[in-house]
């Protein structure tokens, strides 16, 4: 792979937080050993699951060379026909807009210090605040120590000192010493054998027979050996919903330098008193103050910084602002995406500059979006510089002259951090903007057509068979996308594979911390609570939800310590019921241990 495509410095992302109820998990101490932390490596895992030393060769991959292809495992362990239907039952939630239920952008965790929020009823999953489990544990310990201190010292002798009367109380035992949390990252057992194909097939055929699943297809792989342990119509393309984002994330990480940032600039216009705001692709530029973490990132660029730079660079009065939104082309909403999805808060029209990914409330997952995100940024800048709203305009053609004086510039978080957040929170708008940056990097038109073409070309170049894949967008909001479970599973198997000379697996590693953890983070934060609890903390997967469509694709460590990859897709059923049934299937993979 060309050196220019190698990843940048090691990422600073942290692993997904521990579930709020760690006692319910089969772990000790304070940290859930998620699969991303247990990748088999010679030097042991680092906090992101990346090998700290290269293993001795390509052991146990079963997939040599530079491709994603596994050896032919022979006939599937199980298969049956299932027909994808076009039925779209009424959305199961009263507040969902008519047509397609939009639930992909509901995950993640509100930033610390932000106002408490309740998710709207049409959200996909309730997120758990980042780090909540550890904070609760430390807070509880602090409370125990505090209570002990009050008991031991307030009554005797402080009570007498204050002149309080009462019976003599003998001093109690000293307060227990404070407990120091000891986070543990557990490596996987390289000798774990895992379930047999026959045993797992018998178990999943039983759980998968639930009528709540409608038309079901899926596959479970052993990524070390390449063996298919269970399969049901795994090659049949289905509507993937937000599991589409796995393909988007992979193509970006394989192409764009991981430490790349996107810049938003203000330059001097050609006419006196005119400023040009040049959109450079960053949708996370925030209107919030510097000390307030945003929904997506604590280190997002701030509009206030841009304003201060402009004010320091020029003393001339500003009379007019033009937003140069020429970086992207084509339609701003993908085919198969409804106009109601914008005010419904599930996606914004794709433009190369936005404030807080065009969230009306920057701290909420699902909140109304505007029809003109770039114009909203220009007016927010104008408000701070004393420019009236009617003196702000947007141009789809370049207006920043060659060599224009730069008056201010701010940078986005790194591509790697944005990809991780996109996967964790299932941010549709962020997915579409990042895909356009991929299109630019690969020489394609920065439109829906160019972005989806770039995704498929990059994955095909790296050996993934995408011949049956059809994409109309990069986020999965479109109902016109088709991906098979086999493609999703092959991609994930490559991401968790051992290090190889071509660095493909290592370049895909940043996808893994972004995968939501069951009952703990992102779009799985509110799941595995009332059902499928056996998978809580162990299932780590990307979710997908549209009306009548539920998908789940990820990784799970089974009871014997074997890391497995799975992709499950359902359509033609009640969305919420199918979602719960898919969770039961993933939990069954965790607990099976079948021989």
Protein backbone atom coordinates (compact mmCIF):
# COMPACT_ATOMS: atom_id res chain seq x y z
CA UNK A 1 0.00 0.00 0.00
CA UNK A 2 1.46 3.44 -0.87
CA UNK A 3 3.14 5.22 2.01
CA UNK A 4 0.78 8.16 1.64
CA UNK A 5 -2.07 5.92 2.69
CA UNK A 6 -0.49 4.76 5.89
CA UNK A 7 -2.21 5.81 9.11
CA UNK A 8 -1.01 8.79 11.07
CA UNK A 9 0.07 8.79 14.72
CA UNK A 10 -1.63 6.35 17.06
CA UNK A 11 -5.17 7.51 17.85
CA UNK A 12 -6.13 8.96 21.18
CA UNK A 13 -9.58 7.41 21.28
CA UNK A 14 -10.56 5.59 24.42
CA UNK A 15 -12.28 2.26 24.68
CA UNK A 16 -16.05 2.19 25.15
CA UNK A 17 -17.20 2.81 28.74
CA UNK A 18 -18.04 0.14 31.24
CA UNK A 19 -21.77 -0.61 31.63
CA UNK A 20 -23.50 1.11 34.53
CA UNK A 21 -24.03 -2.21 36.27
CA UNK A 22 -20.68 -3.97 36.12
CA UNK A 23 -21.80 -6.49 38.71
CA UNK A 24 -24.08 -7.98 36.09
CA UNK A 25 -21.11 -8.77 33.87
CA UNK A 26 -18.87 -11.86 34.03
CA UNK A 27 -15.78 -9.76 34.74
CA UNK A 28 -13.80 -8.61 37.73
CA UNK A 29 -12.67 -5.20 38.85
CA UNK A 30 -13.88 -2.18 36.97
CA UNK A 31 -13.47 -2.70 33.27
CA UNK A 32 -15.42 -4.79 30.80
CA UNK A 33 -12.94 -6.74 28.67
CA UNK A 34 -14.54 -5.87 25.36
CA UNK A 35 -13.41 -7.78 22.30
CA UNK A 36 -11.53 -4.75 21.00
CA UNK A 37 -9.23 -5.06 24.01
CA UNK A 38 -8.52 -8.73 23.52
CA UNK A 39 -7.16 -9.11 20.03
CA UNK A 40 -4.53 -11.85 19.95
CA UNK A 41 -1.14 -10.25 19.52
CA UNK A 42 2.42 -11.10 20.31
CA UNK A 43 3.03 -8.05 22.43
CA UNK A 44 -0.35 -7.88 24.10
CA UNK A 45 -3.13 -5.37 23.42
CA UNK A 46 -2.86 -1.66 23.89
CA UNK A 47 -5.89 0.34 25.15
CA UNK A 48 -7.38 0.38 21.66
CA UNK A 49 -6.83 -3.27 20.91
CA UNK A 50 -3.96 -2.63 18.54
CA UNK A 51 -0.98 -4.98 18.71
CA UNK A 52 2.06 -3.50 20.41
CA UNK A 53 4.35 -5.90 18.58
CA UNK A 54 3.92 -7.75 15.35
CA UNK A 55 3.00 -11.41 15.74
CA UNK A 56 5.21 -14.10 14.31
CA UNK A 57 3.87 -14.30 10.81
CA UNK A 58 0.33 -14.75 9.60
CA UNK A 59 -0.71 -17.42 12.05
CA UNK A 60 -4.24 -18.74 12.03
CA UNK A 61 -5.68 -16.18 9.67
CA UNK A 62 -6.75 -18.64 7.01
CA UNK A 63 -6.76 -15.72 4.59
CA UNK A 64 -3.32 -15.08 3.17
CA UNK A 65 -2.27 -12.27 0.88
CA UNK A 66 -3.82 -8.84 0.86
CA UNK A 67 -7.44 -9.77 0.44
CA UNK A 68 -10.46 -10.20 2.65
CA UNK A 69 -11.27 -13.59 1.17
CA UNK A 70 -11.51 -16.62 3.46
CA UNK A 71 -10.75 -20.14 2.31
CA UNK A 72 -13.81 -21.93 1.01
CA UNK A 73 -15.35 -23.46 4.15
CA UNK A 74 -17.56 -25.71 2.09
CA UNK A 75 -21.33 -25.76 2.21
CA UNK A 76 -22.97 -23.54 4.81
CA UNK A 77 -23.78 -25.20 8.06
CA UNK A 78 -27.39 -24.23 7.59
CA UNK A 79 -29.35 -22.47 4.90
CA UNK A 80 -32.89 -21.84 3.87
CA UNK A 81 -34.56 -19.48 1.49
CA UNK A 82 -36.06 -16.23 2.65
CA UNK A 83 -37.59 -13.58 0.48
CA UNK A 84 -37.03 -9.93 1.16
CA UNK A 85 -40.36 -8.14 1.25
CA UNK A 86 -41.23 -4.60 0.47
CA UNK A 87 -43.61 -4.40 3.40
CA UNK A 88 -43.02 -1.43 5.63
CA UNK A 89 -45.22 -1.77 8.70
CA UNK A 90 -46.26 1.38 10.43
CA UNK A 91 -43.47 2.75 12.54
CA UNK A 92 -43.83 1.32 16.03
CA UNK A 93 -43.40 4.69 17.68
CA UNK A 94 -46.05 7.37 17.65
CA UNK A 95 -43.65 10.27 17.12
CA UNK A 96 -41.83 8.81 14.12
CA UNK A 97 -42.42 10.62 10.82
CA UNK A 98 -44.49 8.94 8.20
CA UNK A 99 -42.70 6.58 5.87
CA UNK A 100 -39.29 5.33 6.88
CA UNK A 101 -38.54 5.20 10.56
CA UNK A 102 -35.31 7.11 11.14
CA UNK A 103 -33.46 5.89 14.15
CA UNK A 104 -29.85 5.71 13.11
CA UNK A 105 -28.62 8.89 14.72
CA UNK A 106 -29.79 8.32 18.24
CA UNK A 107 -26.84 6.74 19.92
CA UNK A 108 -23.86 8.08 21.72
CA UNK A 109 -23.61 9.85 25.02
CA UNK A 110 -24.39 13.46 25.87
CA UNK A 111 -21.18 15.25 26.85
CA UNK A 112 -20.31 15.52 30.54
CA UNK A 113 -21.58 18.69 32.08
CA UNK A 114 -24.38 19.08 29.57
CA UNK A 115 -28.03 19.30 30.55
CA UNK A 116 -29.83 16.04 31.25
CA UNK A 117 -31.70 14.90 28.20
CA UNK A 118 -34.40 12.38 27.46
CA UNK A 119 -34.35 10.71 24.06
CA UNK A 120 -37.23 11.36 21.71
CA UNK A 121 -39.47 8.38 21.20
CA UNK A 122 -38.22 7.79 17.66
CA UNK A 123 -34.64 7.25 18.70
CA UNK A 124 -33.02 3.94 17.88
CA UNK A 125 -31.34 3.26 21.21
CA UNK A 126 -30.77 5.11 24.42
CA UNK A 127 -27.07 5.87 24.90
CA UNK A 128 -25.24 5.47 28.17
CA UNK A 129 -23.03 8.41 29.24
CA UNK A 130 -19.38 7.81 28.52
CA UNK A 131 -17.46 6.50 31.51
CA UNK A 132 -20.62 6.31 33.60
CA UNK A 133 -19.87 2.89 35.04
CA UNK A 134 -16.49 3.89 36.33
CA UNK A 135 -17.78 7.20 37.72
CA UNK A 136 -20.60 5.42 39.51
CA UNK A 137 -18.18 2.92 41.02
CA UNK A 138 -15.75 5.60 42.17
CA UNK A 139 -18.62 7.75 43.44
CA UNK A 140 -20.03 4.84 45.43
CA UNK A 141 -16.65 4.14 47.00
CA UNK A 142 -16.23 7.81 47.89
CA UNK A 143 -19.68 7.78 49.48
CA UNK A 144 -18.80 4.75 51.61
CA UNK A 145 -15.63 6.43 52.82
CA UNK A 146 -17.49 9.68 53.47
CA UNK A 147 -20.21 7.94 55.49
CA UNK A 148 -17.60 6.09 57.53
CA UNK A 149 -15.84 9.35 58.25
CA UNK A 150 -19.00 11.03 59.50
CA UNK A 151 -19.87 8.05 61.71
CA UNK A 152 -16.42 7.82 63.25
CA UNK A 153 -15.73 11.46 63.93
CA UNK A 154 -18.90 13.56 64.14
CA UNK A 155 -20.44 12.13 67.30
CA UNK A 156 -17.25 11.71 69.27
CA UNK A 157 -15.57 14.04 70.03
CA UNK A 158 -16.94 16.78 67.74
CA UNK A 159 -20.41 16.53 69.30
CA UNK A 160 -19.03 17.26 72.75
CA UNK A 161 -16.95 20.12 71.42
CA UNK A 162 -20.11 21.69 70.04
CA UNK A 163 -21.88 21.19 73.35
CA UNK A 164 -24.26 18.51 72.15
CA UNK A 165 -25.72 16.22 74.84
CA UNK A 166 -26.35 12.56 74.51
CA UNK A 167 -25.12 9.16 75.59
CA UNK A 168 -21.46 8.41 75.57
CA UNK A 169 -20.46 6.71 72.33
CA UNK A 170 -17.30 4.69 72.13
CA UNK A 171 -15.10 5.42 69.13
CA UNK A 172 -15.77 3.00 66.30
CA UNK A 173 -13.21 1.29 64.13
CA UNK A 174 -11.22 3.50 61.77
CA UNK A 175 -12.66 4.19 58.34
CA UNK A 176 -11.66 1.64 55.72
CA UNK A 177 -8.94 2.76 53.33
CA UNK A 178 -10.05 4.16 50.01
CA UNK A 179 -10.23 1.56 47.27
CA UNK A 180 -8.22 2.30 44.18
CA UNK A 181 -9.87 1.03 40.96
CA UNK A 182 -7.57 -1.28 39.01
CA UNK A 183 -8.64 -1.35 35.34
CA UNK A 184 -7.79 -4.58 33.61
CA UNK A 185 -7.45 -5.36 29.92
CA UNK A 186 -7.69 -9.08 29.39
CA UNK A 187 -6.17 -10.74 26.36
CA UNK A 188 -8.14 -13.49 24.66
CA UNK A 189 -7.21 -17.10 25.19
CA UNK A 190 -5.40 -18.09 22.01
CA UNK A 191 -6.17 -21.72 22.78
CA UNK A 192 -9.93 -21.23 23.04
CA UNK A 193 -11.68 -23.65 20.72
CA UNK A 194 -15.10 -22.02 20.54
CA UNK A 195 -18.35 -23.66 19.45
CA UNK A 196 -18.65 -26.30 16.77
CA UNK A 197 -20.56 -25.50 13.61
CA UNK A 198 -23.09 -28.21 14.42
CA UNK A 199 -23.63 -27.02 17.99
CA UNK A 200 -23.93 -23.33 17.14
CA UNK A 201 -26.20 -24.06 14.19
CA UNK A 202 -28.58 -26.05 16.37
CA UNK A 203 -28.70 -23.21 18.92
CA UNK A 204 -29.13 -20.33 16.46
CA UNK A 205 -31.68 -22.19 14.35
CA UNK A 206 -33.74 -22.52 17.53
CA UNK A 207 -33.42 -18.85 18.58
CA UNK A 208 -33.73 -17.62 15.00
CA UNK A 209 -37.05 -19.40 14.52
CA UNK A 210 -38.81 -16.59 16.40
CA UNK A 211 -41.62 -15.11 14.26
CA UNK A 212 -40.52 -11.68 15.52
CA UNK A 213 -37.58 -11.87 13.11
CA UNK A 214 -39.64 -11.90 9.92
CA UNK A 215 -37.27 -12.66 7.06
CA UNK A 216 -33.94 -13.48 8.66
CA UNK A 217 -30.49 -13.97 7.17
CA UNK A 218 -27.09 -14.00 8.78
CA UNK A 219 -23.71 -15.59 9.33
CA UNK A 220 -21.26 -16.31 12.16
CA UNK A 221 -17.53 -16.61 11.35
CA UNK A 222 -14.43 -17.68 13.21
CA UNK A 223 -12.11 -14.88 12.04
CA UNK A 224 -8.98 -16.81 13.01
CA UNK A 225 -9.66 -19.87 10.88
CA UNK A 226 -12.11 -18.39 8.38
CA UNK A 227 -14.62 -21.15 9.20
CA UNK A 228 -18.33 -20.46 8.81
CA UNK A 229 -20.01 -21.67 12.00
CA UNK A 230 -23.60 -20.78 11.07
CA UNK A 231 -25.20 -19.33 7.98
CA UNK A 232 -28.66 -18.58 6.68
CA UNK A 233 -29.01 -16.95 3.26
CA UNK A 234 -25.77 -15.14 4.05
CA UNK A 235 -25.16 -14.14 0.42
CA UNK A 236 -28.61 -12.61 -0.10
CA UNK A 237 -28.45 -8.79 -0.25
CA UNK A 238 -30.85 -7.02 2.11
CA UNK A 239 -31.55 -3.46 3.21
CA UNK A 240 -28.70 -2.83 5.67
CA UNK A 241 -29.87 0.42 7.29
CA UNK A 242 -27.01 1.88 9.36
CA UNK A 243 -24.75 -1.15 9.13
CA UNK A 244 -23.88 0.54 5.81
CA UNK A 245 -21.62 2.75 7.92
CA UNK A 246 -19.22 -0.16 8.42
CA UNK A 247 -18.38 -0.10 4.71
CA UNK A 248 -18.08 3.68 4.78
CA UNK A 249 -15.78 3.64 7.81
CA UNK A 250 -13.57 0.93 6.34
CA UNK A 251 -13.13 2.67 2.99
CA UNK A 252 -12.21 5.96 4.67
CA UNK A 253 -9.70 4.35 7.04
CA UNK A 254 -8.08 2.46 4.17
CA UNK A 255 -7.66 5.63 2.10
CA UNK A 256 -7.40 8.83 4.13
CA UNK A 257 -4.53 9.55 6.53
CA UNK A 258 -5.92 8.90 10.00
CA UNK A 259 -4.64 12.16 11.46
CA UNK A 260 -6.10 14.30 8.66
CA UNK A 261 -8.18 17.26 9.77
CA UNK A 262 -10.68 19.40 7.87
CA UNK A 263 -10.28 23.18 7.93
CA UNK A 264 -12.87 25.95 7.99
CA UNK A 265 -11.48 29.31 6.83
CA UNK A 266 -12.56 32.91 6.66
CA UNK A 267 -10.82 34.91 3.91
CA UNK A 268 -10.98 38.48 2.74
CA UNK A 269 -13.52 38.95 -0.05
CA UNK A 270 -12.70 40.70 -3.30
CA UNK A 271 -15.12 43.51 -2.49
CA UNK A 272 -14.46 45.85 0.47
CA UNK A 273 -16.36 44.87 3.60
CA UNK A 274 -16.97 41.33 2.37
CA UNK A 275 -15.81 38.16 4.11
CA UNK A 276 -15.92 34.67 2.58
CA UNK A 277 -16.47 31.67 4.83
CA UNK A 278 -14.94 28.68 3.00
CA UNK A 279 -16.43 25.32 3.92
CA UNK A 280 -13.71 22.68 4.11
CA UNK A 281 -15.87 19.68 5.00
CA UNK A 282 -16.06 19.97 8.80
CA UNK A 283 -19.64 19.44 10.02
CA UNK A 284 -18.58 19.43 13.69
CA UNK A 285 -17.64 23.12 14.01
CA UNK A 286 -19.42 24.08 17.22
CA UNK A 287 -21.37 27.08 18.38
CA UNK A 288 -20.85 26.04 22.01
CA UNK A 289 -18.32 27.77 24.29
CA UNK A 290 -14.82 26.31 24.56
CA UNK A 291 -15.42 24.78 28.00
CA UNK A 292 -18.55 22.88 26.90
CA UNK A 293 -18.02 19.47 25.29
CA UNK A 294 -20.13 18.98 22.19
CA UNK A 295 -22.35 15.99 21.46
CA UNK A 296 -19.71 14.39 19.26
CA UNK A 297 -16.37 15.62 20.57
CA UNK A 298 -14.80 17.57 23.43
CA UNK A 299 -12.21 18.99 20.99
CA UNK A 300 -14.39 20.22 18.14
CA UNK A 301 -13.41 23.50 16.51
CA UNK A 302 -15.28 26.52 17.88
CA UNK A 303 -16.96 29.31 16.00
CA UNK A 304 -15.87 31.72 18.74
CA UNK A 305 -12.22 30.98 17.92
CA UNK A 306 -12.84 31.77 14.29
CA UNK A 307 -14.55 35.05 15.21
CA UNK A 308 -11.68 36.10 17.48
CA UNK A 309 -9.15 35.45 14.74
CA UNK A 310 -11.14 37.49 12.24
CA UNK A 311 -11.55 40.39 14.65
CA UNK A 312 -7.84 40.38 15.39
CA UNK A 313 -6.90 40.25 11.70
CA UNK A 314 -9.00 43.14 10.41
CA UNK A 315 -10.26 46.43 11.74
CA UNK A 316 -12.51 47.17 8.78
CA UNK A 317 -16.28 46.94 9.32
CA UNK A 318 -17.86 43.78 7.90
CA UNK A 319 -20.89 44.48 5.76
CA UNK A 320 -21.46 41.19 3.96
CA UNK A 321 -20.64 37.48 4.33
CA UNK A 322 -20.65 34.87 1.57
CA UNK A 323 -20.44 31.17 2.44
CA UNK A 324 -18.46 29.27 -0.18
CA UNK A 325 -20.20 25.86 -0.22
CA UNK A 326 -18.69 24.75 -3.53
CA UNK A 327 -16.63 21.87 -2.11
CA UNK A 328 -19.51 19.38 -2.56
CA UNK A 329 -21.71 18.87 -5.60
CA UNK A 330 -24.94 17.15 -6.57
CA UNK A 331 -28.11 16.58 -4.60
CA UNK A 332 -27.98 17.29 -0.89
CA UNK A 333 -30.30 14.43 0.13
CA UNK A 334 -29.86 10.86 -1.09
CA UNK A 335 -32.42 8.88 -3.10
CA UNK A 336 -34.75 7.05 -0.74
CA UNK A 337 -34.46 9.68 2.00
CA UNK A 338 -37.63 11.59 2.83
CA UNK A 339 -37.86 15.36 3.20
CA UNK A 340 -39.48 14.83 6.61
CA UNK A 341 -36.25 13.30 7.88
CA UNK A 342 -34.62 16.75 8.05
CA UNK A 343 -37.08 18.40 10.48
CA UNK A 344 -37.39 14.98 12.12
CA UNK A 345 -33.75 15.32 13.09
CA UNK A 346 -32.30 12.23 11.42
CA UNK A 347 -30.16 13.90 8.75
CA UNK A 348 -29.25 17.29 7.35
CA UNK A 349 -28.75 18.29 3.73
CA UNK A 350 -25.09 17.55 3.02
CA UNK A 351 -22.95 20.69 2.84
CA UNK A 352 -19.24 21.30 3.47
CA UNK A 353 -19.72 23.43 6.58
CA UNK A 354 -22.18 23.02 9.46
CA UNK A 355 -22.55 23.88 13.12
CA UNK A 356 -22.69 20.85 15.46
CA UNK A 357 -23.64 18.58 12.53
CA UNK A 358 -26.62 20.93 12.06
CA UNK A 359 -28.24 19.96 15.34
CA UNK A 360 -30.69 22.60 16.52
CA UNK A 361 -29.78 21.57 20.06
CA UNK A 362 -26.05 20.79 19.97
CA UNK A 363 -26.29 18.40 22.92
CA UNK A 364 -29.11 16.17 21.71
CA UNK A 365 -28.80 13.09 19.52
CA UNK A 366 -31.98 13.65 17.54
CA UNK A 367 -33.05 17.26 17.14
CA UNK A 368 -34.53 19.17 14.19
CA UNK A 369 -32.12 20.09 11.38
CA UNK A 370 -32.28 23.05 9.06
CA UNK A 371 -32.83 23.05 5.32
CA UNK A 372 -29.80 25.33 4.84
CA UNK A 373 -26.93 24.29 7.15
CA UNK A 374 -24.28 26.42 5.42
CA UNK A 375 -26.47 29.50 5.57
CA UNK A 376 -26.99 28.89 9.28
CA UNK A 377 -23.21 28.94 9.83
CA UNK A 378 -22.85 32.18 7.87
CA UNK A 379 -25.60 33.87 9.86
CA UNK A 380 -24.11 32.71 13.17
CA UNK A 381 -20.78 34.20 12.12
CA UNK A 382 -22.54 37.36 10.98
CA UNK A 383 -24.39 37.71 14.27
CA UNK A 384 -21.05 37.80 16.11
CA UNK A 385 -19.57 40.29 13.65
CA UNK A 386 -22.58 42.58 13.48
CA UNK A 387 -23.75 41.52 10.01
CA UNK A 388 -27.56 41.34 9.54
CA UNK A 389 -29.03 37.99 8.37
CA UNK A 390 -30.13 39.40 5.00
CA UNK A 391 -26.50 40.33 4.25
CA UNK A 392 -25.40 36.67 4.40
CA UNK A 393 -25.54 34.50 1.27
CA UNK A 394 -24.44 31.01 0.15
CA UNK A 395 -22.69 30.28 -3.13
CA UNK A 396 -22.47 26.82 -4.71
CA UNK A 397 -19.71 28.17 -6.96
CA UNK A 398 -16.21 29.10 -5.74
CA UNK A 399 -16.01 32.70 -4.57
CA UNK A 400 -12.75 32.72 -2.61
CA UNK A 401 -10.18 34.28 -4.91
CA UNK A 402 -6.75 32.77 -5.53
CA UNK A 403 -4.36 33.92 -2.85
CA UNK A 404 -7.12 35.52 -0.75
CA UNK A 405 -5.91 36.71 2.64
CA UNK A 406 -6.80 34.20 5.35
CA UNK A 407 -8.28 35.99 8.35
CA UNK A 408 -9.08 32.93 10.46
CA UNK A 409 -8.88 29.15 10.36
CA UNK A 410 -9.96 26.30 12.67
CA UNK A 411 -9.50 22.53 12.32
CA UNK A 412 -11.78 19.58 12.93
CA UNK A 413 -10.91 16.56 15.07
CA UNK A 414 -8.94 13.92 13.17
CA UNK A 415 -10.55 11.69 10.57
CA UNK A 416 -9.99 8.74 12.87
CA UNK A 417 -11.89 10.36 15.74
CA UNK A 418 -14.73 11.37 13.44
CA UNK A 419 -15.01 7.85 12.04
CA UNK A 420 -15.12 6.42 15.55
CA UNK A 421 -17.87 8.85 16.58
CA UNK A 422 -19.80 8.20 13.36
CA UNK A 423 -19.88 4.46 14.12
CA UNK A 424 -20.58 4.84 17.84
CA UNK A 425 -23.44 7.32 17.55
CA UNK A 426 -24.58 6.25 14.06
CA UNK A 427 -24.41 9.85 12.90
CA UNK A 428 -25.94 9.92 9.41
CA UNK A 429 -24.88 13.44 8.50
CA UNK A 430 -21.32 12.87 9.63
CA UNK A 431 -21.20 9.67 7.55
CA UNK A 432 -22.25 11.49 4.40
CA UNK A 433 -19.74 14.32 4.80
CA UNK A 434 -16.88 11.92 5.52
CA UNK A 435 -17.84 9.89 2.44
CA UNK A 436 -17.55 13.01 0.30
CA UNK A 437 -14.06 13.56 1.66
CA UNK A 438 -13.29 9.99 0.58
CA UNK A 439 -14.61 10.82 -2.89
CA UNK A 440 -12.31 13.84 -3.10
CA UNK A 441 -9.33 11.78 -1.91
CA UNK A 442 -9.96 9.17 -4.60
CA UNK A 443 -10.61 11.60 -7.46
CA UNK A 444 -14.38 11.16 -7.62
CA UNK A 445 -17.08 13.78 -7.70
CA UNK A 446 -17.99 14.77 -4.11
CA UNK A 447 -21.63 13.74 -4.46
CA UNK A 448 -23.74 10.78 -3.38
CA UNK A 449 -22.85 8.94 -6.60
CA UNK A 450 -19.16 9.77 -6.33
CA UNK A 451 -18.96 8.86 -2.63
CA UNK A 452 -20.68 5.49 -3.00
CA UNK A 453 -18.58 4.65 -6.04
CA UNK A 454 -15.45 5.46 -4.05
CA UNK A 455 -16.52 3.23 -1.16
CA UNK A 456 -17.08 0.22 -3.38
CA UNK A 457 -13.91 0.75 -5.40
CA UNK A 458 -11.69 1.04 -2.33
CA UNK A 459 -13.13 -2.10 -0.73
CA UNK A 460 -12.86 -4.06 -3.98
CA UNK A 461 -9.22 -2.98 -4.37
CA UNK A 462 -8.54 -4.50 -0.96
CA UNK A 463 -10.15 -7.82 -1.81
CA UNK A 464 -13.71 -7.56 -0.50
CA UNK A 465 -16.27 -9.00 -2.91
CA UNK A 466 -18.77 -6.15 -3.35
CA UNK A 467 -20.27 -7.42 -6.58
CA UNK A 468 -23.70 -7.79 -4.98
CA UNK A 469 -23.57 -4.53 -3.01
CA UNK A 470 -25.67 -1.54 -4.11
CA UNK A 471 -25.32 1.83 -2.37
CA UNK A 472 -27.32 5.03 -2.78
CA UNK A 473 -25.81 6.72 0.26
CA UNK A 474 -23.03 6.23 2.80
CA UNK A 475 -25.10 6.32 5.98
CA UNK A 476 -27.81 3.71 5.41
CA UNK A 477 -30.67 6.17 5.53
CA UNK A 478 -31.60 5.26 1.98
CA UNK A 479 -33.99 2.36 1.45
CA UNK A 480 -32.25 1.64 -1.86
CA UNK A 481 -29.08 0.16 -0.32
CA UNK A 482 -28.39 -3.59 -0.52
CA UNK A 483 -25.66 -5.46 1.40
CA UNK A 484 -25.47 -9.14 2.32
CA UNK A 485 -24.57 -10.48 5.78
CA UNK A 486 -21.54 -12.19 4.21
CA UNK A 487 -20.03 -8.85 3.14
CA UNK A 488 -20.50 -7.29 6.59
CA UNK A 489 -19.00 -10.31 8.32
CA UNK A 490 -16.00 -10.52 5.96
CA UNK A 491 -15.21 -6.88 6.60
CA UNK A 492 -15.36 -7.28 10.38
CA UNK A 493 -13.30 -10.46 10.22
CA UNK A 494 -10.56 -8.50 8.48
CA UNK A 495 -10.69 -5.71 11.08
CA UNK A 496 -10.12 -8.11 14.00
CA UNK A 497 -7.53 -10.18 12.15
CA UNK A 498 -3.87 -10.33 13.16
CA UNK A 499 -1.32 -7.83 11.95
CA UNK A 500 -0.04 -8.43 8.42
CA UNK A 501 2.67 -6.84 6.30
CA UNK A 502 0.12 -4.95 4.20
CA UNK A 503 -1.26 -3.24 7.33
CA UNK A 504 -4.88 -3.63 6.21
CA UNK A 505 -6.05 -5.00 9.54
CA UNK A 506 -4.16 -2.32 11.45
CA UNK A 507 -5.67 0.43 9.31
CA UNK A 508 -9.14 -0.90 10.06
CA UNK A 509 -8.55 -1.17 13.81
CA UNK A 510 -10.03 2.28 14.66
CA UNK A 511 -13.46 0.93 13.65
CA UNK A 512 -13.45 -1.39 16.66
CA UNK A 513 -13.48 1.13 19.55
CA UNK A 514 -16.37 2.83 17.76
CA UNK A 515 -18.53 -0.29 17.79
CA UNK A 516 -21.19 0.21 20.49
CA UNK A 517 -21.00 -2.10 23.51
CA UNK A 518 -24.20 -3.86 24.57
CA UNK A 519 -25.82 -2.10 27.51
CA UNK A 520 -22.95 0.34 27.79
CA UNK A 521 -22.34 2.76 24.94
CA UNK A 522 -23.53 4.31 21.71
CA UNK A 523 -26.59 2.90 19.97
CA UNK A 524 -26.47 -0.25 22.13
CA UNK A 525 -26.43 1.71 25.38
CA UNK A 526 -30.15 1.19 25.98
CA UNK A 527 -30.30 -2.40 24.79
CA UNK A 528 -29.49 -5.70 26.53
CA UNK A 529 -31.10 -4.28 29.65
CA UNK A 530 -34.53 -5.90 29.78
CA UNK A 531 -33.69 -8.86 27.57
CA UNK A 532 -30.63 -10.69 26.24
CA UNK A 533 -28.74 -9.65 29.35
CA UNK A 534 -26.22 -12.44 28.83
CA UNK A 535 -24.76 -10.40 25.98
CA UNK A 536 -24.40 -7.22 28.01
CA UNK A 537 -20.84 -6.00 27.91
CA UNK A 538 -19.79 -8.78 25.54
CA UNK A 539 -21.62 -8.00 22.30
CA UNK A 540 -20.00 -5.12 20.42
CA UNK A 541 -21.85 -4.26 17.22
CA UNK A 542 -23.10 -1.69 14.71
CA UNK A 543 -26.85 -1.32 14.66
CA UNK A 544 -29.24 -0.55 11.83
CA UNK A 545 -32.91 0.39 11.98
CA UNK A 546 -35.48 1.49 9.43
CA UNK A 547 -39.19 0.77 9.36
CA UNK A 548 -39.48 -3.00 9.06
CA UNK A 549 -35.69 -3.41 8.97
CA UNK A 550 -33.38 -4.36 11.83
CA UNK A 551 -29.71 -5.28 11.45
CA UNK A 552 -26.83 -6.01 13.79
CA UNK A 553 -23.23 -6.73 12.80
CA UNK A 554 -20.27 -7.00 15.11
CA UNK A 555 -18.04 -9.12 17.29
CA UNK A 556 -18.54 -11.12 20.47
CA UNK A 557 -16.34 -13.22 22.74
CA UNK A 558 -18.04 -16.48 23.68
CA UNK A 559 -17.97 -18.16 27.11
CA UNK A 560 -14.78 -20.01 26.22
CA UNK A 561 -12.95 -16.84 25.21
CA UNK A 562 -13.28 -17.33 21.47
CA UNK A 563 -13.68 -14.16 19.40
CA UNK A 564 -16.43 -14.54 16.79
CA UNK A 565 -17.80 -12.27 14.08
CA UNK A 566 -21.49 -12.10 13.19
CA UNK A 567 -23.91 -10.28 10.90
CA UNK A 568 -27.68 -10.57 11.38
CA UNK A 569 -30.32 -8.95 9.13
CA UNK A 570 -34.10 -8.97 9.45
CA UNK A 571 -36.90 -7.37 7.46
CA UNK A 572 -40.66 -7.64 7.06
CA UNK A 573 -41.32 -7.56 10.81
CA UNK A 574 -42.13 -5.13 13.60
CA UNK A 575 -38.95 -3.13 14.07
CA UNK A 576 -38.79 -3.14 17.86
CA UNK A 577 -39.69 -6.80 18.17
CA UNK A 578 -37.13 -7.81 15.56
CA UNK A 579 -34.48 -5.72 17.26
CA UNK A 580 -35.03 -7.50 20.56
CA UNK A 581 -34.95 -10.88 18.81
CA UNK A 582 -31.64 -10.05 17.12
CA UNK A 583 -30.22 -9.13 20.53
CA UNK A 584 -31.28 -12.57 21.77
CA UNK A 585 -29.45 -14.19 18.86
CA UNK A 586 -26.24 -12.28 19.55
CA UNK A 587 -26.49 -13.17 23.25
CA UNK A 588 -26.93 -16.82 22.24
CA UNK A 589 -23.65 -16.67 20.31
CA UNK A 590 -22.02 -15.39 23.49
CA UNK A 591 -23.40 -18.11 25.79
CA UNK A 592 -23.56 -21.11 23.48
CA UNK A 593 -20.23 -22.88 23.94
CA UNK A 594 -21.90 -25.57 21.85
CA UNK A 595 -20.12 -28.75 20.79
